Amino acid sequence: MLLIPCPYCGLRDESEFSNRGEVVVRPDPDAASDAQWVQYLYFRNNVRGWQSEYWVHTHGCQQLFVVRRHTLTQQIERPA
């Protein structure tokens, strides 16, 4: 069982959440090339190891927040 620390509701079971994918930096709309937009919209790093991800507390407070998760062990890094 994976427990995710919601910054608003505390530690909860993963069944209450939806993963929204890897955190990526949005390019500048006024300066980005088509290739940069394609990279932003369609490609992800898919790392083996620690990755920052967006999660939504779907069956709770409905808030979007960032969690660092190890993609192999599913370990969640607790915020300091």
PDB file of N, CA and C in Angstrom:
ATOM      1  N   MET A   1       0.854  -1.180   0.000  1.00  0.00           N
ATOM      2  CA  MET A   1       0.000   0.000   0.000  1.00  0.00           C
ATOM      3  C   MET A   1       0.896   1.238   0.000  1.00  0.00           C
ATOM      4  N   LEU A   2       0.617   2.150  -0.908  1.00  0.00           N
ATOM      5  CA  LEU A   2       1.359   3.395  -1.018  1.00  0.00           C
ATOM      6  C   LEU A   2       0.608   4.501  -0.282  1.00  0.00           C
ATOM      7  N   LEU A   3       1.291   5.164   0.645  1.00  0.00           N
ATOM      8  CA  LEU A   3       0.706   6.286   1.377  1.00  0.00           C
ATOM      9  C   LEU A   3       1.303   7.574   0.845  1.00  0.00           C
ATOM     10  N   ILE A   4       0.437   8.509   0.480  1.00  0.00           N
ATOM     11  CA  ILE A   4       0.866   9.781  -0.099  1.00  0.00           C
ATOM     12  C   ILE A   4       0.562  10.898   0.892  1.00  0.00           C
ATOM     13  N   PRO A   5       1.565  11.754   1.159  1.00  0.00           N
ATOM     14  CA  PRO A   5       1.352  12.851   2.109  1.00  0.00           C
ATOM     15  C   PRO A   5       0.708  14.063   1.426  1.00  0.00           C
ATOM     16  N   CYS A   6      -0.588  14.212   1.574  1.00  0.00           N
ATOM     17  CA  CYS A   6      -1.273  15.395   1.049  1.00  0.00           C
ATOM     18  C   CYS A   6      -0.906  16.577   1.954  1.00  0.00           C
ATOM     19  N   PRO A   7      -0.424  17.675   1.378  1.00  0.00           N
ATOM     20  CA  PRO A   7      -0.048  18.813   2.227  1.00  0.00           C
ATOM     21  C   PRO A   7      -1.244  19.469   2.914  1.00  0.00           C
ATOM     22  N   TYR A   8      -2.456  19.139   2.503  1.00  0.00           N
ATOM     23  CA  TYR A   8      -3.661  19.743   3.062  1.00  0.00           C
ATOM     24  C   TYR A   8      -4.406  18.807   4.013  1.00  0.00           C
ATOM     25  N   CYS A   9      -4.362  17.483   3.729  1.00  0.00           N
ATOM     26  CA  CYS A   9      -5.146  16.515   4.500  1.00  0.00           C
ATOM     27  C   CYS A   9      -4.304  15.523   5.300  1.00  0.00           C
ATOM     28  N   GLY A  10      -3.008  15.500   5.074  1.00  0.00           N
ATOM     29  CA  GLY A  10      -2.150  14.556   5.763  1.00  0.00           C
ATOM     30  C   GLY A  10      -1.930  13.283   4.962  1.00  0.00           C
ATOM     31  N   LEU A  11      -1.429  12.256   5.612  1.00  0.00           N
ATOM     32  CA  LEU A  11      -1.092  10.986   4.979  1.00  0.00           C
ATOM     33  C   LEU A  11      -2.363  10.228   4.604  1.00  0.00           C
ATOM     34  N   ARG A  12      -2.473   9.859   3.330  1.00  0.00           N
ATOM     35  CA  ARG A  12      -3.665   9.157   2.829  1.00  0.00           C
ATOM     36  C   ARG A  12      -3.250   8.019   1.893  1.00  0.00           C
ATOM     37  N   ASP A  13      -4.163   7.073   1.686  1.00  0.00           N
ATOM     38  CA  ASP A  13      -3.945   5.950   0.787  1.00  0.00           C
ATOM     39  C   ASP A  13      -3.933   6.424  -0.661  1.00  0.00           C
ATOM     40  N   GLU A  14      -3.126   5.765  -1.497  1.00  0.00           N
ATOM     41  CA  GLU A  14      -2.995   6.159  -2.898  1.00  0.00           C
ATOM     42  C   GLU A  14      -4.308   6.075  -3.689  1.00  0.00           C
ATOM     43  N   SER A  15      -5.262   5.273  -3.231  1.00  0.00           N
ATOM     44  CA  SER A  15      -6.538   5.136  -3.943  1.00  0.00           C
ATOM     45  C   SER A  15      -7.333   6.446  -3.974  1.00  0.00           C
ATOM     46  N   GLU A  16      -6.965   7.402  -3.112  1.00  0.00           N
ATOM     47  CA  GLU A  16      -7.644   8.698  -3.078  1.00  0.00           C
ATOM     48  C   GLU A  16      -7.078   9.690  -4.086  1.00  0.00           C
ATOM     49  N   PHE A  17      -5.987   9.320  -4.768  1.00  0.00           N
ATOM     50  CA  PHE A  17      -5.259  10.259  -5.612  1.00  0.00           C
ATOM     51  C   PHE A  17      -5.237   9.861  -7.079  1.00  0.00           C
ATOM     52  N   SER A  18      -4.944  10.839  -7.928  1.00  0.00           N
ATOM     53  CA  SER A  18      -4.697  10.607  -9.346  1.00  0.00           C
ATOM     54  C   SER A  18      -3.341  11.206  -9.690  1.00  0.00           C
ATOM     55  N   ASN A  19      -2.503  10.426 -10.367  1.00  0.00           N
ATOM     56  CA  ASN A  19      -1.198  10.909 -10.796  1.00  0.00           C
ATOM     57  C   ASN A  19      -1.383  11.701 -12.083  1.00  0.00           C
ATOM     58  N   ARG A  20      -0.817  12.904 -12.135  1.00  0.00           N
ATOM     59  CA  ARG A  20      -0.930  13.767 -13.317  1.00  0.00           C
ATOM     60  C   ARG A  20       0.376  13.875 -14.091  1.00  0.00           C
ATOM     61  N   GLY A  21       1.347  13.035 -13.736  1.00  0.00           N
ATOM     62  CA  GLY A  21       2.561  12.948 -14.530  1.00  0.00           C
ATOM     63  C   GLY A  21       3.722  13.787 -14.020  1.00  0.00           C
ATOM     64  N   GLU A  22       4.798  13.661 -14.738  1.00  0.00           N
ATOM     65  CA  GLU A  22       6.060  14.304 -14.404  1.00  0.00           C
ATOM     66  C   GLU A  22       5.947  15.826 -14.436  1.00  0.00           C
ATOM     67  N   VAL A  23       6.635  16.464 -13.505  1.00  0.00           N
ATOM     68  CA  VAL A  23       6.684  17.927 -13.486  1.00  0.00           C
ATOM     69  C   VAL A  23       7.620  18.377 -14.601  1.00  0.00           C
ATOM     70  N   VAL A  24       7.103  19.198 -15.490  1.00  0.00           N
ATOM     71  CA  VAL A  24       7.907  19.760 -16.590  1.00  0.00           C
ATOM     72  C   VAL A  24       7.735  21.268 -16.612  1.00  0.00           C
ATOM     73  N   VAL A  25       8.751  21.950 -17.112  1.00  0.00           N
ATOM     74  CA  VAL A  25       8.718  23.405 -17.188  1.00  0.00           C
ATOM     75  C   VAL A  25       8.093  23.828 -18.509  1.00  0.00           C
ATOM     76  N   ARG A  26       7.069  24.670 -18.424  1.00  0.00           N
ATOM     77  CA  ARG A  26       6.369  25.152 -19.615  1.00  0.00           C
ATOM     78  C   ARG A  26       7.231  26.183 -20.337  1.00  0.00           C
ATOM     79  N   PRO A  27       7.375  26.037 -21.665  1.00  0.00           N
ATOM     80  CA  PRO A  27       8.175  27.016 -22.402  1.00  0.00           C
ATOM     81  C   PRO A  27       7.484  28.375 -22.482  1.00  0.00           C
ATOM     82  N   ASP A  28       8.273  29.396 -22.724  1.00  0.00           N
ATOM     83  CA  ASP A  28       7.753  30.755 -22.894  1.00  0.00           C
ATOM     84  C   ASP A  28       6.906  30.808 -24.164  1.00  0.00           C
ATOM     85  N   PRO A  29       5.624  31.117 -24.064  1.00  0.00           N
ATOM     86  CA  PRO A  29       4.756  31.124 -25.242  1.00  0.00           C
ATOM     87  C   PRO A  29       5.208  32.093 -26.342  1.00  0.00           C
ATOM     88  N   ASP A  30       5.885  33.166 -25.971  1.00  0.00           N
ATOM     89  CA  ASP A  30       6.311  34.148 -26.960  1.00  0.00           C
ATOM     90  C   ASP A  30       7.640  33.813 -27.618  1.00  0.00           C
ATOM     91  N   ALA A  31       8.435  32.929 -27.016  1.00  0.00           N
ATOM     92  CA  ALA A  31       9.770  32.673 -27.539  1.00  0.00           C
ATOM     93  C   ALA A  31      10.018  31.223 -27.944  1.00  0.00           C
ATOM     94  N   ALA A  32       9.137  30.304 -27.602  1.00  0.00           N
ATOM     95  CA  ALA A  32       9.377  28.880 -27.856  1.00  0.00           C
ATOM     96  C   ALA A  32       9.199  28.518 -29.322  1.00  0.00           C
ATOM     97  N   SER A  33      10.065  27.635 -29.772  1.00  0.00           N
ATOM     98  CA  SER A  33       9.961  27.120 -31.141  1.00  0.00           C
ATOM     99  C   SER A  33       8.936  25.984 -31.169  1.00  0.00           C
ATOM    100  N   ASP A  34       8.581  25.566 -32.372  1.00  0.00           N
ATOM    101  CA  ASP A  34       7.661  24.431 -32.504  1.00  0.00           C
ATOM    102  C   ASP A  34       8.262  23.175 -31.882  1.00  0.00           C
ATOM    103  N   ALA A  35       9.557  22.988 -32.041  1.00  0.00           N
ATOM    104  CA  ALA A  35      10.228  21.805 -31.475  1.00  0.00           C
ATOM    105  C   ALA A  35      10.159  21.819 -29.947  1.00  0.00           C
ATOM    106  N   GLN A  36      10.295  22.986 -29.345  1.00  0.00           N
ATOM    107  CA  GLN A  36      10.190  23.082 -27.881  1.00  0.00           C
ATOM    108  C   GLN A  36       8.779  22.758 -27.412  1.00  0.00           C
ATOM    109  N   TRP A  37       7.771  23.188 -28.154  1.00  0.00           N
ATOM    110  CA  TRP A  37       6.391  22.864 -27.785  1.00  0.00           C
ATOM    111  C   TRP A  37       6.113  21.375 -27.922  1.00  0.00           C
ATOM    112  N   VAL A  38       6.634  20.763 -28.983  1.00  0.00           N
ATOM    113  CA  VAL A  38       6.461  19.317 -29.162  1.00  0.00           C
ATOM    114  C   VAL A  38       7.101  18.567 -28.002  1.00  0.00           C
ATOM    115  N   GLN A  39       8.316  18.972 -27.621  1.00  0.00           N
ATOM    116  CA  GLN A  39       9.007  18.343 -26.490  1.00  0.00           C
ATOM    117  C   GLN A  39       8.190  18.476 -25.210  1.00  0.00           C
ATOM    118  N   TYR A  40       7.663  19.667 -24.951  1.00  0.00           N
ATOM    119  CA  TYR A  40       6.875  19.927 -23.743  1.00  0.00           C
ATOM    120  C   TYR A  40       5.569  19.125 -23.717  1.00  0.00           C
ATOM    121  N   LEU A  41       4.891  19.060 -24.835  1.00  0.00           N
ATOM    122  CA  LEU A  41       3.574  18.432 -24.878  1.00  0.00           C
ATOM    123  C   LEU A  41       3.595  16.907 -24.949  1.00  0.00           C
ATOM    124  N   TYR A  42       4.580  16.339 -25.632  1.00  0.00           N
ATOM    125  CA  TYR A  42       4.510  14.915 -25.945  1.00  0.00           C
ATOM    126  C   TYR A  42       5.610  14.032 -25.362  1.00  0.00           C
ATOM    127  N   PHE A  43       6.699  14.597 -24.873  1.00  0.00           N
ATOM    128  CA  PHE A  43       7.810  13.775 -24.424  1.00  0.00           C
ATOM    129  C   PHE A  43       8.065  13.945 -22.935  1.00  0.00           C
ATOM    130  N   ARG A  44       8.386  12.829 -22.276  1.00  0.00           N
ATOM    131  CA  ARG A  44       8.729  12.834 -20.864  1.00  0.00           C
ATOM    132  C   ARG A  44      10.015  12.041 -20.677  1.00  0.00           C
ATOM    133  N   ASN A  45      10.700  12.288 -19.565  1.00  0.00           N
ATOM    134  CA  ASN A  45      11.987  11.635 -19.314  1.00  0.00           C
ATOM    135  C   ASN A  45      11.846  10.162 -18.959  1.00  0.00           C
ATOM    136  N   ASN A  46      10.764   9.787 -18.277  1.00  0.00           N
ATOM    137  CA  ASN A  46      10.529   8.398 -17.885  1.00  0.00           C
ATOM    138  C   ASN A  46      11.733   7.820 -17.154  1.00  0.00           C
ATOM    139  N   VAL A  47      12.158   8.498 -16.102  1.00  0.00           N
ATOM    140  CA  VAL A  47      13.371   8.127 -15.379  1.00  0.00           C
ATOM    141  C   VAL A  47      13.194   6.881 -14.533  1.00  0.00           C
ATOM    142  N   ARG A  48      14.312   6.213 -14.282  1.00  0.00           N
ATOM    143  CA  ARG A  48      14.370   5.124 -13.300  1.00  0.00           C
ATOM    144  C   ARG A  48      14.980   5.735 -12.065  1.00  0.00           C
ATOM    145  N   GLY A  49      14.176   5.993 -11.078  1.00  0.00           N
ATOM    146  CA  GLY A  49      14.675   6.619  -9.865  1.00  0.00           C
ATOM    147  C   GLY A  49      13.743   7.719  -9.393  1.00  0.00           C
ATOM    148  N   TRP A  50      14.305   8.723  -8.733  1.00  0.00           N
ATOM    149  CA  TRP A  50      13.501   9.800  -8.160  1.00  0.00           C
ATOM    150  C   TRP A  50      12.982  10.732  -9.231  1.00  0.00           C
ATOM    151  N   GLN A  51      11.698  11.042  -9.124  1.00  0.00           N
ATOM    152  CA  GLN A  51      11.045  11.923 -10.090  1.00  0.00           C
ATOM    153  C   GLN A  51      10.011  12.776  -9.369  1.00  0.00           C
ATOM    154  N   SER A  52       9.924  14.048  -9.735  1.00  0.00           N
ATOM    155  CA  SER A  52       8.875  14.927  -9.206  1.00  0.00           C
ATOM    156  C   SER A  52       7.650  14.781 -10.077  1.00  0.00           C
ATOM    157  N   GLU A  53       6.505  14.578  -9.439  1.00  0.00           N
ATOM    158  CA  GLU A  53       5.256  14.338 -10.165  1.00  0.00           C
ATOM    159  C   GLU A  53       4.129  15.194  -9.593  1.00  0.00           C
ATOM    160  N   TYR A  54       3.187  15.516 -10.455  1.00  0.00           N
ATOM    161  CA  TYR A  54       1.960  16.173 -10.013  1.00  0.00           C
ATOM    162  C   TYR A  54       0.975  15.097  -9.570  1.00  0.00           C
ATOM    163  N   TRP A  55       0.319  15.328  -8.429  1.00  0.00           N
ATOM    164  CA  TRP A  55      -0.735  14.452  -7.938  1.00  0.00           C
ATOM    165  C   TRP A  55      -1.939  15.312  -7.561  1.00  0.00           C
ATOM    166  N   VAL A  56      -3.137  14.772  -7.736  1.00  0.00           N
ATOM    167  CA  VAL A  56      -4.377  15.439  -7.343  1.00  0.00           C
ATOM    168  C   VAL A  56      -5.077  14.572  -6.306  1.00  0.00           C
ATOM    169  N   HIS A  57      -5.504  15.183  -5.213  1.00  0.00           N
ATOM    170  CA  HIS A  57      -6.250  14.452  -4.179  1.00  0.00           C
ATOM    171  C   HIS A  57      -7.707  14.373  -4.645  1.00  0.00           C
ATOM    172  N   THR A  58      -7.946  13.482  -5.579  1.00  0.00           N
ATOM    173  CA  THR A  58      -9.226  13.350  -6.273  1.00  0.00           C
ATOM    174  C   THR A  58     -10.392  13.076  -5.329  1.00  0.00           C
ATOM    175  N   HIS A  59     -10.193  12.175  -4.373  1.00  0.00           N
ATOM    176  CA  HIS A  59     -11.264  11.809  -3.437  1.00  0.00           C
ATOM    177  C   HIS A  59     -11.007  12.432  -2.069  1.00  0.00           C
ATOM    178  N   GLY A  60     -10.649  13.689  -2.098  1.00  0.00           N
ATOM    179  CA  GLY A  60     -10.356  14.423  -0.866  1.00  0.00           C
ATOM    180  C   GLY A  60     -10.517  15.914  -1.126  1.00  0.00           C
ATOM    181  N   CYS A  61      -9.452  16.671  -0.915  1.00  0.00           N
ATOM    182  CA  CYS A  61      -9.522  18.135  -0.993  1.00  0.00           C
ATOM    183  C   CYS A  61      -9.461  18.681  -2.418  1.00  0.00           C
ATOM    184  N   GLN A  62      -9.223  17.824  -3.428  1.00  0.00           N
ATOM    185  CA  GLN A  62      -9.181  18.212  -4.835  1.00  0.00           C
ATOM    186  C   GLN A  62      -7.987  19.099  -5.202  1.00  0.00           C
ATOM    187  N   GLN A  63      -6.982  19.169  -4.345  1.00  0.00           N
ATOM    188  CA  GLN A  63      -5.836  20.041  -4.584  1.00  0.00           C
ATOM    189  C   GLN A  63      -4.760  19.332  -5.407  1.00  0.00           C
ATOM    190  N   LEU A  64      -4.076  20.112  -6.251  1.00  0.00           N
ATOM    191  CA  LEU A  64      -2.944  19.647  -7.035  1.00  0.00           C
ATOM    192  C   LEU A  64      -1.672  20.006  -6.275  1.00  0.00           C
ATOM    193  N   PHE A  65      -0.732  19.059  -6.183  1.00  0.00           N
ATOM    194  CA  PHE A  65       0.530  19.307  -5.492  1.00  0.00           C
ATOM    195  C   PHE A  65       1.610  18.412  -6.086  1.00  0.00           C
ATOM    196  N   VAL A  66       2.850  18.678  -5.708  1.00  0.00           N
ATOM    197  CA  VAL A  66       4.003  17.937  -6.229  1.00  0.00           C
ATOM    198  C   VAL A  66       4.514  16.966  -5.175  1.00  0.00           C
ATOM    199  N   VAL A  67       4.813  15.734  -5.630  1.00  0.00           N
ATOM    200  CA  VAL A  67       5.376  14.693  -4.778  1.00  0.00           C
ATOM    201  C   VAL A  67       6.616  14.145  -5.475  1.00  0.00           C
ATOM    202  N   ARG A  68       7.678  13.867  -4.698  1.00  0.00           N
ATOM    203  CA  ARG A  68       8.844  13.156  -5.241  1.00  0.00           C
ATOM    204  C   ARG A  68       8.669  11.677  -4.940  1.00  0.00           C
ATOM    205  N   ARG A  69       8.673  10.875  -6.035  1.00  0.00           N
ATOM    206  CA  ARG A  69       8.437   9.428  -5.920  1.00  0.00           C
ATOM    207  C   ARG A  69       9.546   8.675  -6.638  1.00  0.00           C
ATOM    208  N   HIS A  70       9.989   7.575  -6.043  1.00  0.00           N
ATOM    209  CA  HIS A  70      10.968   6.705  -6.692  1.00  0.00           C
ATOM    210  C   HIS A  70      10.184   5.768  -7.602  1.00  0.00           C
ATOM    211  N   THR A  71      10.470   5.788  -8.892  1.00  0.00           N
ATOM    212  CA  THR A  71       9.659   5.053  -9.861  1.00  0.00           C
ATOM    213  C   THR A  71       9.839   3.536  -9.797  1.00  0.00           C
ATOM    214  N   LEU A  72      10.905   3.063  -9.180  1.00  0.00           N
ATOM    215  CA  LEU A  72      11.102   1.616  -9.060  1.00  0.00           C
ATOM    216  C   LEU A  72      10.566   1.059  -7.752  1.00  0.00           C
ATOM    217  N   THR A  73      10.815   1.761  -6.652  1.00  0.00           N
ATOM    218  CA  THR A  73      10.418   1.249  -5.332  1.00  0.00           C
ATOM    219  C   THR A  73       9.082   1.807  -4.858  1.00  0.00           C
ATOM    220  N   GLN A  74       8.559   2.826  -5.539  1.00  0.00           N
ATOM    221  CA  GLN A  74       7.325   3.541  -5.169  1.00  0.00           C
ATOM    222  C   GLN A  74       7.460   4.297  -3.860  1.00  0.00           C
ATOM    223  N   GLN A  75       8.672   4.444  -3.353  1.00  0.00           N
ATOM    224  CA  GLN A  75       8.905   5.182  -2.117  1.00  0.00           C
ATOM    225  C   GLN A  75       8.621   6.663  -2.348  1.00  0.00           C
ATOM    226  N   ILE A  76       7.937   7.276  -1.389  1.00  0.00           N
ATOM    227  CA  ILE A  76       7.610   8.698  -1.441  1.00  0.00           C
ATOM    228  C   ILE A  76       8.598   9.436  -0.525  1.00  0.00           C
ATOM    229  N   GLU A  77       9.204  10.499  -1.047  1.00  0.00           N
ATOM    230  CA  GLU A  77      10.108  11.306  -0.244  1.00  0.00           C
ATOM    231  C   GLU A  77       9.265  12.292   0.550  1.00  0.00           C
ATOM    232  N   ARG A  78       9.353  12.223   1.829  1.00  0.00           N
ATOM    233  CA  ARG A  78       8.582  13.100   2.704  1.00  0.00           C
ATOM    234  C   ARG A  78       9.142  14.511   2.667  1.00  0.00           C
ATOM    235  N   PRO A  79       8.286  15.509   2.564  1.00  0.00           N
ATOM    236  CA  PRO A  79       8.787  16.880   2.589  1.00  0.00           C
ATOM    237  C   PRO A  79       9.377  17.225   3.958  1.00  0.00           C
ATOM    238  N   ALA A  80      10.399  18.082   3.940  1.00  0.00           N
ATOM    239  CA  ALA A  80      11.070  18.456   5.205  1.00  0.00           C
ATOM    240  C   ALA A  80      10.226  19.379   6.026  1.00  0.00           C
TER     241      ALA A  80
END
